[in-house]
């Protein structure tokens, strides 16, 4: 039987894999937009991990809240980086 949070785990892994690929290519080629896209994929991965933590530990939501705050901070810094270009 599949768990209800299994979709979030797949999204998390796909986002991390895509982020690794985009940032690796961006470091080689020097494309700034790919670095930003990689950071946004990391944000998506953190959000998916937060949702998995929320489903697993409903009685202790602090893990999920910490991951959501991390995702928010990375998103804000990425947005500031994008606006500085």
PDB file of N, CA and C in Angstrom:
ATOM      1  N   UNK A   1       0.835  -1.176   0.000  1.00  0.00           N
ATOM      2  CA  UNK A   1       0.000   0.000   0.000  1.00  0.00           C
ATOM      3  C   UNK A   1       0.885   1.245   0.000  1.00  0.00           C
ATOM      4  N   UNK A   2       0.558   2.169  -0.876  1.00  0.00           N
ATOM      5  CA  UNK A   2       1.339   3.388  -0.955  1.00  0.00           C
ATOM      6  C   UNK A   2       0.956   4.343   0.171  1.00  0.00           C
ATOM      7  N   UNK A   3       1.952   5.020   0.665  1.00  0.00           N
ATOM      8  CA  UNK A   3       1.719   6.015   1.703  1.00  0.00           C
ATOM      9  C   UNK A   3       1.244   7.316   1.056  1.00  0.00           C
ATOM     10  N   UNK A   4       0.452   8.114   1.743  1.00  0.00           N
ATOM     11  CA  UNK A   4      -0.052   9.361   1.144  1.00  0.00           C
ATOM     12  C   UNK A   4       1.048  10.395   0.884  1.00  0.00           C
ATOM     13  N   UNK A   5       2.146  10.276   1.572  1.00  0.00           N
ATOM     14  CA  UNK A   5       3.232  11.240   1.395  1.00  0.00           C
ATOM     15  C   UNK A   5       4.288  10.753   0.406  1.00  0.00           C
ATOM     16  N   UNK A   6       4.069   9.605  -0.226  1.00  0.00           N
ATOM     17  CA  UNK A   6       5.055   9.060  -1.155  1.00  0.00           C
ATOM     18  C   UNK A   6       5.242   9.972  -2.375  1.00  0.00           C
ATOM     19  N   UNK A   7       4.184  10.626  -2.814  1.00  0.00           N
ATOM     20  CA  UNK A   7       4.283  11.563  -3.936  1.00  0.00           C
ATOM     21  C   UNK A   7       5.217  12.725  -3.599  1.00  0.00           C
ATOM     22  N   UNK A   8       5.119  13.185  -2.369  1.00  0.00           N
ATOM     23  CA  UNK A   8       5.992  14.276  -1.953  1.00  0.00           C
ATOM     24  C   UNK A   8       7.455  13.833  -1.920  1.00  0.00           C
ATOM     25  N   UNK A   9       7.691  12.594  -1.539  1.00  0.00           N
ATOM     26  CA  UNK A   9       9.056  12.077  -1.512  1.00  0.00           C
ATOM     27  C   UNK A   9       9.622  11.977  -2.928  1.00  0.00           C
ATOM     28  N   UNK A  10       8.807  11.565  -3.882  1.00  0.00           N
ATOM     29  CA  UNK A  10       9.253  11.482  -5.274  1.00  0.00           C
ATOM     30  C   UNK A  10       9.547  12.875  -5.814  1.00  0.00           C
ATOM     31  N   UNK A  11       8.669  13.841  -5.516  1.00  0.00           N
ATOM     32  CA  UNK A  11       8.892  15.223  -5.954  1.00  0.00           C
ATOM     33  C   UNK A  11      10.170  15.772  -5.339  1.00  0.00           C
ATOM     34  N   UNK A  12      10.402  15.461  -4.086  1.00  0.00           N
ATOM     35  CA  UNK A  12      11.617  15.926  -3.405  1.00  0.00           C
ATOM     36  C   UNK A  12      12.871  15.390  -4.090  1.00  0.00           C
ATOM     37  N   UNK A  13      12.884  14.107  -4.387  1.00  0.00           N
ATOM     38  CA  UNK A  13      14.050  13.512  -5.035  1.00  0.00           C
ATOM     39  C   UNK A  13      14.244  14.032  -6.454  1.00  0.00           C
ATOM     40  N   UNK A  14      13.157  14.180  -7.208  1.00  0.00           N
ATOM     41  CA  UNK A  14      13.270  14.715  -8.560  1.00  0.00           C
ATOM     42  C   UNK A  14      13.763  16.158  -8.555  1.00  0.00           C
ATOM     43  N   UNK A  15      13.279  16.951  -7.616  1.00  0.00           N
ATOM     44  CA  UNK A  15      13.709  18.349  -7.528  1.00  0.00           C
ATOM     45  C   UNK A  15      15.185  18.435  -7.153  1.00  0.00           C
ATOM     46  N   UNK A  16      15.629  17.592  -6.236  1.00  0.00           N
ATOM     47  CA  UNK A  16      17.055  17.602  -5.866  1.00  0.00           C
ATOM     48  C   UNK A  16      17.938  17.159  -7.023  1.00  0.00           C
ATOM     49  N   UNK A  17      17.496  16.138  -7.735  1.00  0.00           N
ATOM     50  CA  UNK A  17      18.263  15.674  -8.890  1.00  0.00           C
ATOM     51  C   UNK A  17      18.345  16.726  -9.978  1.00  0.00           C
ATOM     52  N   UNK A  18      17.221  17.365 -10.277  1.00  0.00           N
ATOM     53  CA  UNK A  18      17.209  18.412 -11.295  1.00  0.00           C
ATOM     54  C   UNK A  18      18.024  19.620 -10.842  1.00  0.00           C
ATOM     55  N   UNK A  19      17.946  19.962  -9.568  1.00  0.00           N
ATOM     56  CA  UNK A  19      18.729  21.086  -9.046  1.00  0.00           C
ATOM     57  C   UNK A  19      20.215  20.800  -9.161  1.00  0.00           C
ATOM     58  N   UNK A  20      20.615  19.579  -8.863  1.00  0.00           N
ATOM     59  CA  UNK A  20      22.029  19.211  -8.988  1.00  0.00           C
ATOM     60  C   UNK A  20      22.488  19.319 -10.429  1.00  0.00           C
ATOM     61  N   UNK A  21      21.665  18.842 -11.346  1.00  0.00           N
ATOM     62  CA  UNK A  21      22.013  18.902 -12.765  1.00  0.00           C
ATOM     63  C   UNK A  21      22.106  20.343 -13.247  1.00  0.00           C
ATOM     64  N   UNK A  22      21.101  21.162 -12.923  1.00  0.00           N
ATOM     65  CA  UNK A  22      21.107  22.554 -13.372  1.00  0.00           C
ATOM     66  C   UNK A  22      22.278  23.340 -12.792  1.00  0.00           C
ATOM     67  N   UNK A  23      22.563  23.163 -11.516  1.00  0.00           N
ATOM     68  CA  UNK A  23      23.659  23.936 -10.921  1.00  0.00           C
ATOM     69  C   UNK A  23      25.019  23.455 -11.417  1.00  0.00           C
ATOM     70  N   UNK A  24      25.150  22.156 -11.691  1.00  0.00           N
ATOM     71  CA  UNK A  24      26.409  21.659 -12.241  1.00  0.00           C
ATOM     72  C   UNK A  24      26.661  22.251 -13.624  1.00  0.00           C
ATOM     73  N   UNK A  25      25.630  22.262 -14.457  1.00  0.00           N
ATOM     74  CA  UNK A  25      25.760  22.856 -15.797  1.00  0.00           C
ATOM     75  C   UNK A  25      26.007  24.353 -15.686  1.00  0.00           C
ATOM     76  N   UNK A  26      25.328  25.000 -14.746  1.00  0.00           N
ATOM     77  CA  UNK A  26      25.496  26.440 -14.580  1.00  0.00           C
ATOM     78  C   UNK A  26      26.912  26.791 -14.128  1.00  0.00           C
ATOM     79  N   UNK A  27      27.488  25.962 -13.281  1.00  0.00           N
ATOM     80  CA  UNK A  27      28.864  26.231 -12.840  1.00  0.00           C
ATOM     81  C   UNK A  27      29.857  26.057 -13.974  1.00  0.00           C
ATOM     82  N   UNK A  28      29.608  25.108 -14.858  1.00  0.00           N
ATOM     83  CA  UNK A  28      30.515  24.893 -15.988  1.00  0.00           C
ATOM     84  C   UNK A  28      30.356  25.996 -17.032  1.00  0.00           C
ATOM     85  N   UNK A  29      29.117  26.286 -17.400  1.00  0.00           N
ATOM     86  CA  UNK A  29      28.848  27.254 -18.466  1.00  0.00           C
ATOM     87  C   UNK A  29      28.777  28.697 -17.983  1.00  0.00           C
ATOM     88  N   UNK A  30      28.480  28.909 -16.705  1.00  0.00           N
ATOM     89  CA  UNK A  30      28.399  30.256 -16.168  1.00  0.00           C
ATOM     90  C   UNK A  30      27.066  30.940 -16.401  1.00  0.00           C
ATOM     91  N   UNK A  31      25.995  30.168 -16.518  1.00  0.00           N
ATOM     92  CA  UNK A  31      24.668  30.739 -16.725  1.00  0.00           C
ATOM     93  C   UNK A  31      24.037  31.080 -15.374  1.00  0.00           C
ATOM     94  N   UNK A  32      23.769  32.345 -15.167  1.00  0.00           N
ATOM     95  CA  UNK A  32      23.189  32.790 -13.905  1.00  0.00           C
ATOM     96  C   UNK A  32      21.748  32.318 -13.759  1.00  0.00           C
ATOM     97  N   UNK A  33      21.008  32.310 -14.839  1.00  0.00           N
ATOM     98  CA  UNK A  33      19.598  31.922 -14.770  1.00  0.00           C
ATOM     99  C   UNK A  33      19.452  30.457 -14.362  1.00  0.00           C
ATOM    100  N   UNK A  34      20.409  29.626 -14.726  1.00  0.00           N
ATOM    101  CA  UNK A  34      20.347  28.217 -14.332  1.00  0.00           C
ATOM    102  C   UNK A  34      20.654  28.050 -12.844  1.00  0.00           C
ATOM    103  N   UNK A  35      21.489  28.914 -12.307  1.00  0.00           N
ATOM    104  CA  UNK A  35      21.752  28.891 -10.871  1.00  0.00           C
ATOM    105  C   UNK A  35      20.478  29.268 -10.117  1.00  0.00           C
ATOM    106  N   UNK A  36      19.785  30.285 -10.610  1.00  0.00           N
ATOM    107  CA  UNK A  36      18.530  30.694  -9.982  1.00  0.00           C
ATOM    108  C   UNK A  36      17.503  29.574 -10.077  1.00  0.00           C
ATOM    109  N   UNK A  37      17.420  28.932 -11.240  1.00  0.00           N
ATOM    110  CA  UNK A  37      16.491  27.822 -11.394  1.00  0.00           C
ATOM    111  C   UNK A  37      16.851  26.665 -10.463  1.00  0.00           C
ATOM    112  N   UNK A  38      18.135  26.409 -10.302  1.00  0.00           N
ATOM    113  CA  UNK A  38      18.580  25.375  -9.369  1.00  0.00           C
ATOM    114  C   UNK A  38      18.196  25.700  -7.934  1.00  0.00           C
ATOM    115  N   UNK A  39      18.342  26.965  -7.551  1.00  0.00           N
ATOM    116  CA  UNK A  39      17.952  27.374  -6.197  1.00  0.00           C
ATOM    117  C   UNK A  39      16.446  27.255  -5.993  1.00  0.00           C
ATOM    118  N   UNK A  40      15.670  27.579  -7.021  1.00  0.00           N
ATOM    119  CA  UNK A  40      14.222  27.426  -6.907  1.00  0.00           C
ATOM    120  C   UNK A  40      13.819  25.962  -6.820  1.00  0.00           C
ATOM    121  N   UNK A  41      14.560  25.089  -7.485  1.00  0.00           N
ATOM    122  CA  UNK A  41      14.295  23.657  -7.352  1.00  0.00           C
ATOM    123  C   UNK A  41      14.654  23.161  -5.956  1.00  0.00           C
ATOM    124  N   UNK A  42      15.685  23.719  -5.360  1.00  0.00           N
ATOM    125  CA  UNK A  42      16.022  23.376  -3.971  1.00  0.00           C
ATOM    126  C   UNK A  42      14.895  23.824  -3.038  1.00  0.00           C
ATOM    127  N   UNK A  43      14.328  24.995  -3.310  1.00  0.00           N
ATOM    128  CA  UNK A  43      13.181  25.470  -2.522  1.00  0.00           C
ATOM    129  C   UNK A  43      12.020  24.488  -2.650  1.00  0.00           C
ATOM    130  N   UNK A  44      11.757  24.027  -3.868  1.00  0.00           N
ATOM    131  CA  UNK A  44      10.694  23.044  -4.065  1.00  0.00           C
ATOM    132  C   UNK A  44      10.964  21.755  -3.320  1.00  0.00           C
ATOM    133  N   UNK A  45      12.220  21.336  -3.307  1.00  0.00           N
ATOM    134  CA  UNK A  45      12.592  20.137  -2.576  1.00  0.00           C
ATOM    135  C   UNK A  45      12.398  20.318  -1.072  1.00  0.00           C
ATOM    136  N   UNK A  46      12.760  21.480  -0.563  1.00  0.00           N
ATOM    137  CA  UNK A  46      12.566  21.749   0.865  1.00  0.00           C
ATOM    138  C   UNK A  46      11.082  21.788   1.240  1.00  0.00           C
ATOM    139  N   UNK A  47      10.266  22.339   0.352  1.00  0.00           N
ATOM    140  CA  UNK A  47       8.828  22.368   0.617  1.00  0.00           C
ATOM    141  C   UNK A  47       8.265  20.952   0.615  1.00  0.00           C
ATOM    142  N   UNK A  48       8.691  20.131  -0.352  1.00  0.00           N
ATOM    143  CA  UNK A  48       8.223  18.741  -0.390  1.00  0.00           C
ATOM    144  C   UNK A  48       8.675  17.986   0.859  1.00  0.00           C
ATOM    145  N   UNK A  49       9.908  18.221   1.306  1.00  0.00           N
ATOM    146  CA  UNK A  49      10.382  17.579   2.520  1.00  0.00           C
ATOM    147  C   UNK A  49       9.580  18.058   3.734  1.00  0.00           C
ATOM    148  N   UNK A  50       9.226  19.329   3.737  1.00  0.00           N
ATOM    149  CA  UNK A  50       8.401  19.852   4.822  1.00  0.00           C
ATOM    150  C   UNK A  50       7.041  19.160   4.852  1.00  0.00           C
ATOM    151  N   UNK A  51       6.462  18.920   3.689  1.00  0.00           N
ATOM    152  CA  UNK A  51       5.172  18.231   3.640  1.00  0.00           C
ATOM    153  C   UNK A  51       5.289  16.776   4.086  1.00  0.00           C
ATOM    154  N   UNK A  52       6.403  16.127   3.741  1.00  0.00           N
ATOM    155  CA  UNK A  52       6.623  14.755   4.212  1.00  0.00           C
ATOM    156  C   UNK A  52       6.757  14.741   5.726  1.00  0.00           C
ATOM    157  N   UNK A  53       7.525  15.672   6.260  1.00  0.00           N
ATOM    158  CA  UNK A  53       7.683  15.756   7.711  1.00  0.00           C
ATOM    159  C   UNK A  53       6.351  16.041   8.396  1.00  0.00           C
ATOM    160  N   UNK A  54       5.528  16.866   7.762  1.00  0.00           N
ATOM    161  CA  UNK A  54       4.224  17.194   8.323  1.00  0.00           C
ATOM    162  C   UNK A  54       3.349  15.947   8.414  1.00  0.00           C
ATOM    163  N   UNK A  55       3.395  15.111   7.364  1.00  0.00           N
ATOM    164  CA  UNK A  55       2.585  13.890   7.373  1.00  0.00           C
ATOM    165  C   UNK A  55       3.137  12.835   8.332  1.00  0.00           C
ATOM    166  N   UNK A  56       4.453  12.764   8.460  1.00  0.00           N
ATOM    167  CA  UNK A  56       5.045  11.744   9.315  1.00  0.00           C
ATOM    168  C   UNK A  56       4.935  12.078  10.795  1.00  0.00           C
ATOM    169  N   UNK A  57       5.174  13.319  11.137  1.00  0.00           N
ATOM    170  CA  UNK A  57       5.218  13.718  12.541  1.00  0.00           C
ATOM    171  C   UNK A  57       4.147  14.762  12.834  1.00  0.00           C
ATOM    172  N   UNK A  58       2.906  14.368  12.740  1.00  0.00           N
ATOM    173  CA  UNK A  58       1.814  15.322  12.979  1.00  0.00           C
ATOM    174  C   UNK A  58       1.779  15.800  14.423  1.00  0.00           C
ATOM    175  N   UNK A  59       2.221  14.969  15.334  1.00  0.00           N
ATOM    176  CA  UNK A  59       2.185  15.370  16.742  1.00  0.00           C
ATOM    177  C   UNK A  59       3.303  16.364  17.079  1.00  0.00           C
ATOM    178  N   UNK A  60       4.388  16.335  16.290  1.00  0.00           N
ATOM    179  CA  UNK A  60       5.509  17.259  16.514  1.00  0.00           C
ATOM    180  C   UNK A  60       5.768  18.008  15.199  1.00  0.00           C
ATOM    181  N   UNK A  61       5.069  19.110  14.945  1.00  0.00           N
ATOM    182  CA  UNK A  61       5.215  19.796  13.655  1.00  0.00           C
ATOM    183  C   UNK A  61       6.448  20.686  13.550  1.00  0.00           C
ATOM    184  N   UNK A  62       7.325  20.670  14.548  1.00  0.00           N
ATOM    185  CA  UNK A  62       8.475  21.578  14.516  1.00  0.00           C
ATOM    186  C   UNK A  62       9.429  21.258  13.369  1.00  0.00           C
ATOM    187  N   UNK A  63       9.579  19.986  12.999  1.00  0.00           N
ATOM    188  CA  UNK A  63      10.459  19.611  11.892  1.00  0.00           C
ATOM    189  C   UNK A  63       9.938  20.203  10.583  1.00  0.00           C
ATOM    190  N   UNK A  64       8.645  20.090  10.379  1.00  0.00           N
ATOM    191  CA  UNK A  64       8.038  20.620   9.160  1.00  0.00           C
ATOM    192  C   UNK A  64       8.129  22.137   9.116  1.00  0.00           C
ATOM    193  N   UNK A  65       7.926  22.756  10.240  1.00  0.00           N
ATOM    194  CA  UNK A  65       7.981  24.221  10.292  1.00  0.00           C
ATOM    195  C   UNK A  65       9.399  24.711  10.009  1.00  0.00           C
ATOM    196  N   UNK A  66      10.401  24.018  10.549  1.00  0.00           N
ATOM    197  CA  UNK A  66      11.798  24.403  10.296  1.00  0.00           C
ATOM    198  C   UNK A  66      12.131  24.299   8.814  1.00  0.00           C
ATOM    199  N   UNK A  67      11.694  23.223   8.162  1.00  0.00           N
ATOM    200  CA  UNK A  67      11.965  23.053   6.740  1.00  0.00           C
ATOM    201  C   UNK A  67      11.244  24.115   5.921  1.00  0.00           C
ATOM    202  N   UNK A  68      10.021  24.451   6.309  1.00  0.00           N
ATOM    203  CA  UNK A  68       9.273  25.482   5.591  1.00  0.00           C
ATOM    204  C   UNK A  68       9.949  26.846   5.740  1.00  0.00           C
ATOM    205  N   UNK A  69      10.477  27.131   6.916  1.00  0.00           N
ATOM    206  CA  UNK A  69      11.187  28.403   7.125  1.00  0.00           C
ATOM    207  C   UNK A  69      12.477  28.428   6.314  1.00  0.00           C
ATOM    208  N   UNK A  70      13.174  27.308   6.252  1.00  0.00           N
ATOM    209  CA  UNK A  70      14.387  27.235   5.421  1.00  0.00           C
ATOM    210  C   UNK A  70      14.050  27.486   3.954  1.00  0.00           C
ATOM    211  N   UNK A  71      12.965  26.882   3.491  1.00  0.00           N
ATOM    212  CA  UNK A  71      12.539  27.084   2.104  1.00  0.00           C
ATOM    213  C   UNK A  71      12.199  28.547   1.856  1.00  0.00           C
ATOM    214  N   UNK A  72      11.520  29.171   2.809  1.00  0.00           N
ATOM    215  CA  UNK A  72      11.170  30.579   2.668  1.00  0.00           C
ATOM    216  C   UNK A  72      12.418  31.460   2.615  1.00  0.00           C
ATOM    217  N   UNK A  73      13.400  31.182   3.465  1.00  0.00           N
ATOM    218  CA  UNK A  73      14.629  31.982   3.472  1.00  0.00           C
ATOM    219  C   UNK A  73      15.420  31.826   2.179  1.00  0.00           C
ATOM    220  N   UNK A  74      15.534  30.595   1.684  1.00  0.00           N
ATOM    221  CA  UNK A  74      16.248  30.382   0.415  1.00  0.00           C
ATOM    222  C   UNK A  74      15.504  31.076  -0.715  1.00  0.00           C
ATOM    223  N   UNK A  75      14.169  31.026  -0.691  1.00  0.00           N
ATOM    224  CA  UNK A  75      13.388  31.710  -1.724  1.00  0.00           C
ATOM    225  C   UNK A  75      13.598  33.218  -1.664  1.00  0.00           C
ATOM    226  N   UNK A  76      13.614  33.786  -0.471  1.00  0.00           N
ATOM    227  CA  UNK A  76      13.814  35.229  -0.334  1.00  0.00           C
ATOM    228  C   UNK A  76      15.201  35.626  -0.832  1.00  0.00           C
ATOM    229  N   UNK A  77      16.227  34.865  -0.462  1.00  0.00           N
ATOM    230  CA  UNK A  77      17.580  35.183  -0.926  1.00  0.00           C
ATOM    231  C   UNK A  77      17.712  35.005  -2.439  1.00  0.00           C
ATOM    232  N   UNK A  78      17.034  34.013  -2.993  1.00  0.00           N
ATOM    233  CA  UNK A  78      17.051  33.836  -4.449  1.00  0.00           C
ATOM    234  C   UNK A  78      16.353  34.994  -5.135  1.00  0.00           C
ATOM    235  N   UNK A  79      15.239  35.432  -4.574  1.00  0.00           N
ATOM    236  CA  UNK A  79      14.519  36.563  -5.142  1.00  0.00           C
ATOM    237  C   UNK A  79      15.358  37.840  -5.074  1.00  0.00           C
ATOM    238  N   UNK A  80      16.038  38.056  -3.961  1.00  0.00           N
ATOM    239  CA  UNK A  80      16.923  39.220  -3.838  1.00  0.00           C
ATOM    240  C   UNK A  80      18.072  39.140  -4.830  1.00  0.00           C
ATOM    241  N   UNK A  81      18.617  37.947  -5.017  1.00  0.00           N
ATOM    242  CA  UNK A  81      19.693  37.737  -5.992  1.00  0.00           C
ATOM    243  C   UNK A  81      19.196  38.044  -7.395  1.00  0.00           C
ATOM    244  N   UNK A  82      17.980  37.613  -7.697  1.00  0.00           N
ATOM    245  CA  UNK A  82      17.394  37.843  -9.019  1.00  0.00           C
ATOM    246  C   UNK A  82      17.152  39.337  -9.240  1.00  0.00           C
ATOM    247  N   UNK A  83      16.696  40.036  -8.219  1.00  0.00           N
ATOM    248  CA  UNK A  83      16.432  41.477  -8.367  1.00  0.00           C
ATOM    249  C   UNK A  83      17.709  42.292  -8.475  1.00  0.00           C
ATOM    250  N   UNK A  84      18.826  41.774  -7.977  1.00  0.00           N
ATOM    251  CA  UNK A  84      20.104  42.492  -8.049  1.00  0.00           C
ATOM    252  C   UNK A  84      20.744  42.417  -9.434  1.00  0.00           C
ATOM    253  N   UNK A  85      20.273  41.476 -10.264  1.00  0.00           N
ATOM    254  CA  UNK A  85      20.868  41.322 -11.608  1.00  0.00           C
ATOM    255  C   UNK A  85      20.519  42.452 -12.515  1.00  0.00           C
TER     256      UNK A  85
END
